[in-house]
Protein backbone atom coordinates (compact mmCIF):
# COMPACT_ATOMS: atom_id res chain seq x y z
CA MET A 1 6.20 -126.01 -19.97
CA ALA A 2 2.73 -124.40 -19.95
CA GLY A 3 2.76 -120.65 -20.52
CA GLU A 4 5.77 -120.73 -22.79
CA LEU A 5 5.46 -120.33 -26.51
CA PRO A 6 6.72 -123.32 -28.50
CA GLN A 7 10.03 -122.86 -30.27
CA HIS A 8 10.58 -124.32 -33.71
CA SER A 9 13.93 -125.73 -34.70
CA GLU A 10 13.01 -125.16 -38.34
CA ALA A 11 13.57 -121.45 -37.82
CA LYS A 12 17.30 -122.08 -37.77
CA VAL A 13 17.34 -122.59 -41.52
CA HIS A 14 15.93 -119.09 -42.03
CA THR A 15 18.80 -117.28 -40.36
CA PRO A 16 20.59 -114.54 -42.37
CA ARG A 17 23.74 -116.69 -42.37
CA ALA A 18 21.93 -119.63 -43.96
CA ARG A 19 20.34 -117.38 -46.59
CA SER A 20 23.69 -115.79 -47.42
CA ILE A 21 25.26 -119.23 -47.87
CA ARG A 22 22.39 -120.17 -50.16
CA GLU A 23 22.92 -117.07 -52.29
CA VAL A 24 26.69 -117.59 -52.41
CA VAL A 25 26.37 -121.24 -53.46
CA PHE A 26 23.75 -120.40 -56.10
CA GLY A 27 25.73 -117.44 -57.45
CA VAL A 28 29.10 -119.21 -57.55
CA ASN A 29 27.54 -122.23 -59.21
CA ASP A 30 25.80 -120.08 -61.82
CA GLY A 31 29.00 -118.18 -62.61
CA LEU A 32 31.05 -121.39 -62.72
CA VAL A 33 28.68 -123.36 -64.94
CA SER A 34 27.71 -120.60 -67.36
CA ILE A 35 31.21 -119.18 -67.84
CA THR A 36 32.80 -122.64 -68.11
CA GLY A 37 30.33 -123.52 -70.85
CA ILE A 38 30.96 -120.27 -72.67
CA ILE A 39 34.74 -120.31 -72.32
CA VAL A 40 35.21 -123.88 -73.57
CA GLY A 41 32.69 -123.17 -76.30
CA VAL A 42 34.55 -120.21 -77.74
CA THR A 43 37.81 -122.17 -77.38
CA ALA A 44 36.33 -124.98 -79.45
CA SER A 45 35.34 -122.44 -82.11
CA ARG A 46 39.09 -121.76 -82.46
CA LEU A 47 39.11 -118.11 -81.50
CA SER A 48 42.37 -116.50 -80.41
CA SER A 49 43.37 -116.28 -76.76
CA HIS A 50 42.65 -112.54 -76.79
CA GLN A 51 39.17 -113.08 -78.23
CA ILE A 52 38.41 -115.83 -75.74
CA ILE A 53 39.34 -113.61 -72.80
CA ILE A 54 37.21 -110.74 -74.12
CA ALA A 55 34.24 -113.06 -74.68
CA GLY A 56 34.69 -114.58 -71.22
CA LEU A 57 34.94 -111.26 -69.41
CA ALA A 58 31.93 -109.90 -71.29
CA ALA A 59 29.96 -112.98 -70.27
CA VAL A 60 31.04 -112.54 -66.64
CA ILE A 61 29.88 -108.92 -66.58
CA ALA A 62 26.56 -109.81 -68.20
CA ALA A 63 25.97 -112.77 -65.87
CA ALA A 64 26.91 -110.84 -62.71
CA VAL A 65 24.69 -107.87 -63.57
CA SER A 66 21.79 -110.08 -64.65
CA MET A 67 21.92 -112.27 -61.54
CA ALA A 68 22.36 -109.30 -59.21
CA LEU A 69 19.38 -107.48 -60.71
CA GLY A 70 17.32 -110.66 -60.60
CA GLN A 71 18.21 -111.14 -56.93
CA TYR A 72 17.31 -107.52 -56.18
CA LEU A 73 13.91 -107.80 -57.84
CA SER A 74 13.10 -111.17 -56.26
CA THR A 75 14.07 -109.89 -52.81
CA VAL A 76 11.93 -106.79 -53.23
CA ALA A 77 9.01 -108.95 -54.37
CA GLN A 78 9.46 -111.32 -51.42
CA ASN A 79 9.61 -108.47 -48.91
CA GLU A 80 6.52 -106.84 -50.41
CA TYR A 81 4.64 -110.13 -50.20
CA PHE A 82 5.65 -110.65 -46.57
CA MET A 83 4.59 -107.13 -45.61
CA ALA A 84 1.28 -107.48 -47.46
CA GLU A 85 0.55 -110.70 -45.56
CA ARG A 86 1.47 -108.98 -42.29
CA ARG A 87 -0.93 -106.11 -43.02
CA ARG A 88 -3.64 -108.64 -43.82
CA GLU A 89 -3.07 -110.45 -40.53
CA TYR A 90 -3.32 -107.17 -38.62
CA GLN A 91 -6.58 -106.42 -40.41
CA GLU A 92 -8.00 -109.85 -39.59
CA VAL A 93 -7.01 -109.55 -35.94
CA GLU A 94 -8.82 -106.22 -35.89
CA ASP A 95 -11.92 -107.28 -37.87
CA ILE A 96 -12.45 -110.92 -36.87
CA PRO A 97 -10.61 -111.45 -33.55
CA ASP A 98 -12.80 -114.38 -32.44
CA GLU A 99 -12.07 -116.34 -35.58
CA GLU A 100 -8.36 -115.55 -35.35
CA ARG A 101 -8.34 -116.64 -31.71
CA ARG A 102 -9.90 -119.96 -32.67
CA GLU A 103 -7.14 -120.42 -35.23
CA VAL A 104 -4.55 -119.89 -32.49
CA GLU A 105 -6.29 -122.44 -30.30
CA THR A 106 -6.39 -124.93 -33.18
CA ILE A 107 -2.67 -124.50 -33.83
CA PHE A 108 -1.78 -125.18 -30.20
CA ARG A 109 -4.22 -128.08 -30.04
CA ASP A 110 -2.67 -129.66 -33.14
CA GLN A 111 0.73 -129.37 -31.47
CA GLY A 112 -0.46 -131.64 -28.69
CA PHE A 113 -1.09 -129.21 -25.83
CA THR A 114 -3.78 -130.00 -23.29
CA HIS A 115 -6.98 -127.98 -23.06
CA ALA A 116 -5.66 -126.00 -20.08
CA GLU A 117 -2.34 -125.33 -21.79
CA VAL A 118 -4.11 -124.22 -24.96
CA ASN A 119 -6.09 -121.64 -22.99
CA ILE A 120 -2.99 -120.31 -21.22
CA LEU A 121 -0.91 -120.07 -24.40
CA THR A 122 -3.75 -118.58 -26.44
CA ASN A 123 -4.39 -115.92 -23.80
CA ARG A 124 -0.74 -115.02 -23.76
CA VAL A 125 -0.43 -114.80 -27.54
CA THR A 126 -3.61 -112.80 -28.08
CA ALA A 127 -2.88 -110.37 -25.23
CA ASP A 128 -0.50 -108.43 -27.46
CA ARG A 129 -1.51 -107.63 -31.04
CA ASP A 130 2.05 -107.57 -32.41
CA ARG A 131 2.84 -110.91 -30.80
CA TRP A 132 -0.46 -112.27 -32.10
CA VAL A 133 0.29 -111.23 -35.66
CA ASP A 134 3.86 -112.55 -35.51
CA PHE A 135 2.52 -115.86 -34.23
CA MET A 136 0.01 -116.15 -37.06
CA MET A 137 2.62 -115.20 -39.63
CA LYS A 138 4.92 -117.95 -38.44
CA GLU A 139 2.50 -120.71 -37.51
CA GLU A 140 -0.23 -120.18 -40.09
CA LEU A 141 1.74 -118.86 -43.07
CA GLY A 142 5.23 -120.15 -42.32
CA ILE A 143 6.70 -116.66 -42.65
CA LEU A 144 9.38 -115.36 -40.31
CA MET A 145 9.78 -111.60 -40.36
CA ASP A 146 13.53 -111.97 -39.98
CA SER A 147 13.37 -113.36 -43.53
CA LEU A 148 13.14 -109.77 -44.75
CA ASP A 149 16.43 -109.27 -46.55
CA SER A 150 18.05 -106.10 -47.82
CA PRO A 151 17.63 -106.08 -51.62
CA TRP A 152 20.90 -104.19 -52.06
CA SER A 153 23.01 -106.50 -49.89
CA SER A 154 21.42 -109.60 -51.42
CA SER A 155 22.09 -108.39 -54.95
CA LEU A 156 25.67 -107.46 -54.04
CA VAL A 157 26.31 -110.91 -52.55
CA MET A 158 24.86 -112.55 -55.65
CA GLY A 159 26.88 -110.42 -58.07
CA VAL A 160 30.15 -111.03 -56.23
CA ALA A 161 29.39 -114.76 -56.00
CA VAL A 162 28.85 -114.98 -59.76
CA VAL A 163 32.18 -113.24 -60.40
CA ALA A 164 33.91 -115.58 -57.93
CA GLY A 165 32.46 -118.59 -59.72
CA ALA A 166 33.73 -117.29 -63.05
CA VAL A 167 37.34 -117.01 -61.87
CA PRO A 168 38.34 -120.73 -62.15
CA PRO A 169 37.48 -121.15 -65.86
CA ILE A 170 38.87 -117.75 -66.91
CA LEU A 171 42.05 -117.65 -64.84
CA PRO A 172 44.02 -120.19 -66.95
CA TYR A 173 43.43 -118.09 -70.08
CA LEU A 174 44.89 -115.06 -68.33
CA LEU A 175 48.00 -117.00 -67.30
CA ILE A 176 48.53 -119.43 -70.22
CA HIS A 177 48.82 -118.24 -73.82
CA ASN A 178 48.22 -121.70 -75.35
CA THR A 179 44.42 -121.92 -75.55
CA GLN A 180 44.34 -125.73 -75.66
CA VAL A 181 46.37 -126.03 -72.48
CA ALA A 182 44.38 -123.23 -70.85
CA GLU A 183 41.15 -125.02 -71.73
CA LYS A 184 42.28 -128.21 -70.00
CA TRP A 185 43.22 -126.32 -66.84
CA ALA A 186 39.93 -124.40 -66.97
CA ILE A 187 37.98 -127.66 -67.06
CA VAL A 188 40.06 -129.18 -64.25
CA LEU A 189 39.61 -126.15 -62.00
CA ALA A 190 35.90 -125.93 -62.80
CA VAL A 191 35.40 -129.61 -61.89
CA ILE A 192 37.29 -129.24 -58.61
CA VAL A 193 35.40 -126.10 -57.62
CA ALA A 194 32.06 -127.64 -58.64
CA PHE A 195 32.64 -130.71 -56.49
CA GLY A 196 33.77 -128.56 -53.56
CA LEU A 197 30.74 -126.33 -53.95
CA GLY A 198 28.48 -129.36 -53.88
CA ALA A 199 30.16 -130.59 -50.73
CA LEU A 200 29.66 -127.16 -49.13
CA LYS A 201 25.99 -127.22 -50.05
CA ALA A 202 25.69 -130.66 -48.49
CA LYS A 203 27.16 -129.38 -45.25
CA VAL A 204 24.57 -126.60 -45.10
CA ALA A 205 21.71 -128.92 -46.10
CA LYS A 206 23.03 -131.77 -43.92
CA SER A 207 23.03 -134.21 -46.84
CA THR A 208 25.64 -136.62 -48.22
CA TRP A 209 28.66 -134.56 -49.28
CA TRP A 210 29.92 -136.79 -52.09
CA LYS A 211 26.47 -137.15 -53.69
CA SER A 212 25.98 -133.41 -53.66
CA GLY A 213 29.51 -132.93 -55.00
CA MET A 214 28.83 -135.32 -57.87
CA GLN A 215 25.58 -133.52 -58.70
CA PHE A 216 27.36 -130.20 -59.04
CA LEU A 217 30.21 -131.86 -60.94
CA LEU A 218 27.82 -133.47 -63.44
CA VAL A 219 26.08 -130.14 -64.07
CA THR A 220 29.43 -128.51 -64.81
CA ALA A 221 30.44 -131.45 -67.00
CA ALA A 222 27.20 -131.04 -68.96
CA ALA A 223 28.02 -127.36 -69.48
CA VAL A 224 31.47 -128.35 -70.79
CA VAL A 225 30.03 -130.91 -73.21
CA VAL A 226 27.39 -128.50 -74.53
CA GLY A 227 29.95 -125.70 -74.78
CA VAL A 228 32.43 -127.83 -76.73
CA ALA A 229 29.72 -129.20 -79.04
CA GLY A 230 28.23 -125.75 -79.65
CA GLY A 231 31.60 -124.09 -80.14
CA THR A 232 32.78 -126.76 -82.54
CA LEU A 233 29.58 -126.51 -84.57
CA LEU A 234 29.74 -122.72 -84.74
CA GLY A 235 33.41 -122.86 -85.64
CA ARG A 236 32.63 -125.11 -88.61
CA ILE A 237 29.70 -122.99 -89.74
CA PHE A 238 31.35 -119.59 -89.47
CA GLY A 239 35.02 -120.59 -89.55
């Protein structure tokens, strides 16, 4: 209807819930893959159960802290970029309003509105500077201001997710003294969790669940193969 601003369904993917799911999936997968690779690697090097647990827990701490700090810094950088672009848009609206107005008209015209509708919508958008800037941020730059995340909460979610992903490969070593048996259970649990994580990602991305599950599973399997090969080689060199 003329006079109403167009709504974009794409904005749904930028909701805080969707971003949190993305961070959780990424963090859990990182913790799962990296710790699985490390834990089976040190097992293959024939370390004792006690040494394997210490190495695994140290790797979990390092991975969680590293990923959390990386998430914090990337979120800060993203927010700073968004705010810088917003300030630039305000400056352009102030300095070159005619040119910015023509850009608004072009956007509406490209969306298929009639000449009369373009005039009505453009007048409404440009009547309020804040609305004008928000419109340009979204339609011209593809930036939604609700994409501004809290660096602290994002880093916390990432750190916790990494720790959660590390639980499946480490848990068997805490419960089973025989390292060979514990290793088998660690691999089984890691594979199950990896496939489930891929299926969860597919649900969020609306893709094929079993294909996504297999992708995650294959990545974890690759980590296991590399970990076993590296651990065996190091065990022979330094054993």
